[in-house]
Amino acid sequence: MKCGSLVFAVAATCAISSVHAAQSESRSYPNRPIRVIAAQSAGSSLDTLVRIISPKWSELIGQPLVIDNRGGAGGTIGIELVARAAPDGYTVLVGASSSMIVSRFTYKSLPFDVLKDFDAVSNLVNADAVLVTHPSVPAKNVKELVALAKAQPGKLNMSSAGVGSSSHLAGVMFATLAGINSVHVPYKGGGPMAAAVVANESQWCVAPAAALVGHIKSGRLRALAISSKQRSALLPDLPTVDESGVPGYEYNSWNAVFVPKGTPRPIVNKLHAAIQKALADPDVVKAFASQGLTPSGSESPEAFAKYFRGDFERIAKLVQIAGIKPE
């Protein structure tokens, strides 16, 4: 046998062996605990939802899920960790839309590319957000707020949890579609953002319902509308922004599961199937609802990947409108 033919035969044999090994690994997956990187700190809203779904998800996938909180730098520390992990299904990421998408536009450079370094598995939940005002603002509904803002351009302040945060982008989207001019006042986090409206330093904001519901029920804030297309189980009597006079408005913050690029499709499919069943569990649904979260799985990994890319493009436009520059 010629040397070239021998090399080819050895290479072909190795390739076939690698394929068979990968197929065998996919069939036996999972056979050890799975590390779940939650790309926010312990006690965060993302951490809470991961701990709500993980017991049922673990039961369905047949292995323990080891929750590893990696907060800091807007979630990018945890995201980088998964981007560099082996694509074998034993390291998965739960990331928020703010860190998976917005970070692309708020950091000058990142050690990963979310569109190239990850395979999408499934959405988990959409977080209801609510448009609120200080009770002293003479607007009892969305139409009245828009009329007031148009009559006093630049007089009403809009607070957010920081430049590029979901509350910032949700507020920008509302102001743009409603045709109003408000002064954006960024704060360092959701707590200070809400406190600013309670103190009437800012007059309105759009923020996660779960974080504001206590202020709303106590009367410290007035809720006008929900940001999603559907009404919220947390505040069922509240209309949506869309039905309240700003047609086309919809802003969803989501939290979803990703794996390193190149993870075998059978493994991705197994993860996806277990997640869909866990999201349908009545106890999980009830626990999510108490946090203002709506289970929102996906028909397939491909369907969520398409949604993810579409949301990336949508947020890129909002970032441009908001004039956000990388730092």
Protein backbone atom coordinates (compact mmCIF):
# COMPACT_ATOMS: atom_id res chain seq x y z
CA MET A 1 0.00 0.00 0.00
CA LYS A 2 1.35 3.42 -0.89
CA CYS A 3 2.16 5.83 1.94
CA GLY A 4 -0.55 8.29 0.84
CA SER A 5 -3.18 5.58 0.77
CA LEU A 6 -2.13 4.37 4.21
CA VAL A 7 -2.40 7.89 5.68
CA PHE A 8 -5.83 8.31 4.10
CA ALA A 9 -7.01 4.95 5.47
CA VAL A 10 -5.79 5.78 8.99
CA ALA A 11 -7.41 9.21 8.84
CA ALA A 12 -10.70 7.75 7.63
CA THR A 13 -10.63 5.13 10.38
CA CYS A 14 -10.01 7.81 13.02
CA ALA A 15 -12.83 9.95 11.64
CA ILE A 16 -15.27 7.05 11.71
CA SER A 17 -14.19 6.18 15.25
CA SER A 18 -14.75 9.79 16.33
CA VAL A 19 -18.24 9.80 14.81
CA HIS A 20 -19.11 6.54 16.53
CA ALA A 21 -17.77 7.86 19.86
CA ALA A 22 -19.83 11.05 19.52
CA GLN A 23 -22.95 9.05 18.68
CA SER A 24 -22.38 6.76 21.64
CA GLU A 25 -21.91 9.75 23.97
CA SER A 26 -25.11 11.35 22.67
CA ARG A 27 -27.08 8.13 23.26
CA SER A 28 -25.82 7.78 26.84
CA TYR A 29 -26.25 11.48 27.66
CA PRO A 30 -26.48 12.48 30.40
CA ASN A 31 -24.52 10.09 32.60
CA ARG A 32 -23.18 12.61 35.12
CA PRO A 33 -24.31 15.90 36.74
CA ILE A 34 -24.88 18.91 34.51
CA ARG A 35 -23.40 22.28 35.43
CA VAL A 36 -25.85 25.15 34.93
CA ILE A 37 -24.18 28.54 34.76
CA ALA A 38 -26.65 31.21 35.91
CA ALA A 39 -25.17 34.41 34.50
CA GLN A 40 -26.27 36.59 37.42
CA SER A 41 -25.52 36.68 41.12
CA ALA A 42 -27.22 34.54 43.75
CA GLY A 43 -30.56 36.01 44.79
CA SER A 44 -31.14 37.72 41.46
CA SER A 45 -34.33 37.25 39.48
CA LEU A 46 -32.49 34.92 37.08
CA ASP A 47 -31.14 32.87 39.98
CA THR A 48 -34.67 32.60 41.40
CA LEU A 49 -36.17 31.25 38.17
CA VAL A 50 -33.33 28.73 37.72
CA ARG A 51 -33.98 27.38 41.20
CA ILE A 52 -37.71 27.18 40.51
CA ILE A 53 -37.32 25.02 37.42
CA SER A 54 -34.18 23.04 38.29
CA PRO A 55 -35.78 20.34 40.51
CA LYS A 56 -38.28 19.31 37.82
CA TRP A 57 -35.74 19.75 35.02
CA SER A 58 -33.27 17.56 36.93
CA GLU A 59 -35.91 14.89 37.47
CA LEU A 60 -36.79 14.83 33.78
CA ILE A 61 -33.24 14.86 32.45
CA GLY A 62 -32.22 12.15 34.92
CA GLN A 63 -29.19 13.83 36.49
CA PRO A 64 -28.50 16.46 39.17
CA LEU A 65 -28.21 20.06 38.02
CA VAL A 66 -25.40 21.93 39.76
CA ILE A 67 -26.30 25.65 39.83
CA ASP A 68 -23.23 27.87 39.48
CA ASN A 69 -23.96 31.60 39.85
CA ARG A 70 -21.53 33.76 37.89
CA GLY A 71 -22.59 37.38 38.22
CA GLY A 72 -20.58 40.50 37.45
CA ALA A 73 -19.88 42.57 34.35
CA GLY A 74 -23.52 42.47 33.29
CA GLY A 75 -23.56 38.67 33.15
CA THR A 76 -20.69 38.49 30.66
CA ILE A 77 -18.41 36.58 33.06
CA GLY A 78 -20.77 33.62 33.11
CA ILE A 79 -21.42 33.84 29.38
CA GLU A 80 -17.68 33.72 28.59
CA LEU A 81 -17.27 30.69 30.85
CA VAL A 82 -19.82 28.72 28.83
CA ALA A 83 -18.49 29.97 25.50
CA ARG A 84 -15.14 28.35 26.38
CA ALA A 85 -16.63 25.12 27.76
CA ALA A 86 -16.58 21.78 25.99
CA PRO A 87 -19.60 21.33 23.70
CA ASP A 88 -20.71 18.11 25.38
CA GLY A 89 -23.95 19.15 27.10
CA TYR A 90 -22.48 19.11 30.59
CA THR A 91 -22.13 22.90 30.82
CA VAL A 92 -25.22 24.92 29.95
CA LEU A 93 -25.98 28.61 30.26
CA VAL A 94 -29.07 30.38 31.53
CA GLY A 95 -28.76 33.95 30.34
CA ALA A 96 -31.00 37.02 30.32
CA SER A 97 -31.79 38.99 27.18
CA SER A 98 -30.04 42.02 28.68
CA SER A 99 -26.71 40.19 29.02
CA MET A 100 -27.01 37.98 25.92
CA ILE A 101 -27.89 40.85 23.58
CA VAL A 102 -27.49 44.31 25.10
CA SER A 103 -23.92 43.64 26.29
CA ARG A 104 -22.92 43.44 22.61
CA PHE A 105 -23.67 47.17 22.34
CA THR A 106 -22.55 48.43 25.75
CA TYR A 107 -19.03 46.92 25.86
CA LYS A 108 -16.33 47.95 23.40
CA SER A 109 -15.00 44.41 23.24
CA LEU A 110 -16.15 41.02 24.49
CA PRO A 111 -14.28 37.69 24.49
CA PHE A 112 -17.23 35.97 22.83
CA ASP A 113 -19.82 36.44 20.10
CA VAL A 114 -23.30 35.33 21.17
CA LEU A 115 -24.35 34.73 17.56
CA LYS A 116 -21.36 32.53 16.76
CA ASP A 117 -20.29 30.88 20.03
CA PHE A 118 -23.59 29.41 21.23
CA ASP A 119 -26.37 27.10 20.15
CA ALA A 120 -29.83 28.10 21.36
CA VAL A 121 -31.79 25.46 23.29
CA SER A 122 -34.98 27.05 24.57
CA ASN A 123 -36.55 30.11 26.09
CA LEU A 124 -37.59 29.63 29.72
CA VAL A 125 -39.68 32.61 30.75
CA ASN A 126 -40.75 36.08 29.73
CA ALA A 127 -40.75 38.64 32.53
CA ASP A 128 -43.77 40.92 32.72
CA ALA A 129 -42.86 44.60 32.94
CA VAL A 130 -45.17 47.37 34.07
CA LEU A 131 -45.42 51.06 33.22
CA VAL A 132 -45.74 53.01 36.48
CA THR A 133 -45.89 56.66 37.54
CA HIS A 134 -45.63 58.54 40.79
CA PRO A 135 -49.15 58.99 42.26
CA SER A 136 -48.82 62.78 41.98
CA VAL A 137 -48.58 62.60 38.20
CA PRO A 138 -52.03 63.69 36.91
CA ALA A 139 -52.44 60.73 34.56
CA LYS A 140 -54.69 57.81 35.38
CA ASN A 141 -53.99 55.85 32.20
CA VAL A 142 -51.56 55.59 29.29
CA LYS A 143 -53.43 58.03 27.03
CA GLU A 144 -53.43 60.67 29.75
CA LEU A 145 -49.69 60.15 30.40
CA VAL A 146 -48.92 60.56 26.70
CA ALA A 147 -51.07 63.72 26.50
CA LEU A 148 -49.36 65.14 29.60
CA ALA A 149 -45.87 64.39 28.27
CA LYS A 150 -46.70 65.99 24.90
CA ALA A 151 -48.05 69.09 26.64
CA GLN A 152 -44.88 69.35 28.74
CA PRO A 153 -42.02 68.05 26.55
CA GLY A 154 -38.88 67.28 28.54
CA LYS A 155 -40.57 67.91 31.91
CA LEU A 156 -41.17 64.29 32.94
CA ASN A 157 -38.18 62.16 33.96
CA MET A 158 -37.94 58.46 33.10
CA SER A 159 -35.81 56.36 35.43
CA SER A 160 -34.02 53.15 34.47
CA ALA A 161 -31.75 50.55 36.05
CA GLY A 162 -28.86 51.88 33.97
CA VAL A 163 -27.86 52.69 30.42
CA GLY A 164 -28.62 49.71 28.20
CA SER A 165 -30.76 47.95 30.81
CA SER A 166 -34.06 46.37 29.81
CA SER A 167 -35.90 49.15 31.67
CA HIS A 168 -33.97 51.73 29.64
CA LEU A 169 -34.79 50.11 26.31
CA ALA A 170 -38.41 49.45 27.29
CA GLY A 171 -38.79 53.13 28.21
CA VAL A 172 -37.13 54.31 25.01
CA MET A 173 -39.44 52.09 22.97
CA PHE A 174 -42.50 53.50 24.76
CA ALA A 175 -41.38 57.11 24.32
CA THR A 176 -40.59 56.52 20.64
CA LEU A 177 -43.90 54.85 19.75
CA ALA A 178 -45.91 57.31 21.85
CA GLY A 179 -44.07 60.27 20.34
CA ILE A 180 -43.09 61.86 23.65
CA ASN A 181 -39.93 63.50 24.95
CA SER A 182 -38.82 62.48 28.46
CA VAL A 183 -35.50 62.94 30.21
CA HIS A 184 -33.76 59.61 30.84
CA VAL A 185 -32.25 59.34 34.34
CA PRO A 186 -30.19 56.13 34.75
CA TYR A 187 -29.65 54.62 38.20
CA LYS A 188 -27.40 51.83 39.44
CA GLY A 189 -29.86 48.95 39.54
CA GLY A 190 -33.55 48.19 39.76
CA GLY A 191 -33.91 49.12 43.44
CA PRO A 192 -32.66 52.70 43.06
CA MET A 193 -34.66 53.04 39.81
CA ALA A 194 -37.92 52.19 41.61
CA ALA A 195 -37.00 54.32 44.62
CA ALA A 196 -36.51 57.31 42.33
CA VAL A 197 -40.10 57.10 41.10
CA VAL A 198 -41.41 56.48 44.64
CA ALA A 199 -39.57 59.66 45.71
CA ASN A 200 -40.83 61.52 42.62
CA GLU A 201 -37.27 62.24 41.46
CA SER A 202 -38.42 60.55 38.26
CA GLN A 203 -42.04 60.47 37.25
CA TRP A 204 -42.30 57.17 35.38
CA CYS A 205 -40.53 53.99 34.35
CA VAL A 206 -41.11 50.59 32.75
CA ALA A 207 -39.70 47.86 34.96
CA PRO A 208 -40.22 44.21 36.00
CA ALA A 209 -43.62 43.78 37.62
CA ALA A 210 -42.30 41.50 40.36
CA ALA A 211 -39.95 44.24 41.56
CA LEU A 212 -42.69 46.90 41.65
CA VAL A 213 -45.80 45.03 42.75
CA GLY A 214 -45.21 45.81 46.45
CA HIS A 215 -45.00 49.55 45.73
CA ILE A 216 -48.07 49.32 43.51
CA LYS A 217 -50.21 47.55 46.11
CA SER A 218 -49.12 49.99 48.82
CA GLY A 219 -50.06 52.96 46.66
CA ARG A 220 -46.52 54.33 46.42
CA LEU A 221 -46.65 53.82 42.65
CA ARG A 222 -49.52 53.93 40.18
CA ALA A 223 -49.55 51.12 37.60
CA LEU A 224 -50.86 52.10 34.17
CA ALA A 225 -50.18 49.14 31.88
CA ILE A 226 -48.27 45.92 31.20
CA SER A 227 -45.54 45.93 28.54
CA SER A 228 -46.25 42.48 27.04
CA LYS A 229 -48.93 41.52 24.51
CA GLN A 230 -50.91 39.60 27.14
CA ARG A 231 -52.14 40.71 30.53
CA SER A 232 -50.12 39.60 33.55
CA ALA A 233 -51.21 36.95 36.04
CA LEU A 234 -49.50 39.07 38.69
CA LEU A 235 -51.64 42.13 37.87
CA PRO A 236 -54.58 40.65 35.91
CA ASP A 237 -56.74 43.79 35.92
CA LEU A 238 -54.07 45.92 34.29
CA PRO A 239 -54.40 46.51 30.52
CA THR A 240 -51.46 46.21 28.13
CA VAL A 241 -49.72 49.28 26.70
CA ASP A 242 -50.78 48.15 23.24
CA GLU A 243 -54.48 48.12 24.10
CA SER A 244 -54.16 51.35 26.10
CA GLY A 245 -53.40 53.62 23.18
CA VAL A 246 -49.86 52.85 21.98
CA PRO A 247 -50.47 50.20 19.30
CA GLY A 248 -47.57 47.93 18.44
CA TYR A 249 -45.85 48.35 21.78
CA GLU A 250 -44.44 45.13 23.17
CA TYR A 251 -41.32 44.68 25.24
CA ASN A 252 -40.35 41.31 26.66
CA SER A 253 -37.39 40.47 28.81
CA TRP A 254 -36.58 36.77 28.57
CA ASN A 255 -34.31 34.23 30.21
CA ALA A 256 -33.17 31.28 28.13
CA VAL A 257 -30.90 28.25 27.87
CA PHE A 258 -27.86 28.06 25.59
CA VAL A 259 -24.99 25.60 25.10
CA PRO A 260 -21.53 25.97 23.55
CA LYS A 261 -21.50 25.97 19.76
CA GLY A 262 -21.11 22.52 18.29
CA THR A 263 -22.97 20.63 20.99
CA PRO A 264 -24.36 17.48 19.30
CA ARG A 265 -27.93 17.93 18.11
CA PRO A 266 -29.27 14.84 19.95
CA ILE A 267 -28.00 16.34 23.21
CA VAL A 268 -29.57 19.72 22.44
CA ASN A 269 -32.84 17.96 21.66
CA LYS A 270 -32.78 16.04 24.96
CA LEU A 271 -32.22 19.25 26.90
CA HIS A 272 -34.98 20.98 24.96
CA ALA A 273 -37.51 18.20 25.55
CA ALA A 274 -36.86 18.09 29.30
CA ILE A 275 -37.21 21.88 29.56
CA GLN A 276 -40.58 21.92 27.77
CA LYS A 277 -41.97 19.27 30.14
CA ALA A 278 -40.62 21.09 33.19
CA LEU A 279 -42.17 24.39 32.06
CA ALA A 280 -45.57 22.69 31.77
CA ASP A 281 -45.48 21.33 35.33
CA PRO A 282 -48.31 22.98 37.37
CA ASP A 283 -46.09 23.66 40.39
CA VAL A 284 -43.48 25.33 38.20
CA VAL A 285 -46.13 27.44 36.44
CA LYS A 286 -47.57 28.56 39.79
CA ALA A 287 -44.16 29.43 41.23
CA PHE A 288 -43.27 31.45 38.13
CA ALA A 289 -46.58 33.34 38.24
CA SER A 290 -45.88 34.41 41.83
CA GLN A 291 -42.72 36.09 40.53
CA GLY A 292 -44.43 37.81 37.60
CA LEU A 293 -42.87 35.34 35.16
CA THR A 294 -44.63 33.63 32.27
CA PRO A 295 -43.33 30.21 31.12
CA SER A 296 -42.44 30.51 27.47
CA GLY A 297 -40.71 27.50 25.99
CA SER A 298 -40.08 26.97 22.32
CA GLU A 299 -41.35 24.61 19.65
CA SER A 300 -37.81 23.54 18.84
CA PRO A 301 -34.22 24.72 19.34
CA GLU A 302 -34.31 26.03 15.77
CA ALA A 303 -37.46 28.04 16.48
CA PHE A 304 -35.87 29.69 19.50
CA ALA A 305 -32.66 30.37 17.57
CA LYS A 306 -34.74 32.23 14.97
CA TYR A 307 -36.52 34.22 17.70
CA PHE A 308 -33.19 35.03 19.36
CA ARG A 309 -31.71 36.45 16.17
CA GLY A 310 -34.87 38.45 15.51
CA ASP A 311 -34.78 39.91 19.02
CA PHE A 312 -31.10 40.74 18.53
CA GLU A 313 -32.00 42.82 15.47
CA ARG A 314 -34.92 44.50 17.29
CA ILE A 315 -32.80 45.50 20.27
CA ALA A 316 -30.01 46.71 17.98
CA LYS A 317 -32.49 49.23 16.54
CA LEU A 318 -33.58 50.35 20.03
CA VAL A 319 -29.94 50.79 21.04
CA GLN A 320 -29.43 53.02 18.02
CA ILE A 321 -32.52 55.08 18.84
CA ALA A 322 -31.38 55.42 22.46
CA GLY A 323 -27.96 56.60 21.34
CA ILE A 324 -26.19 54.05 23.53
CA LYS A 325 -22.42 53.95 23.00
CA PRO A 326 -20.07 51.12 24.07
CA GLU A 327 -17.82 51.85 27.04
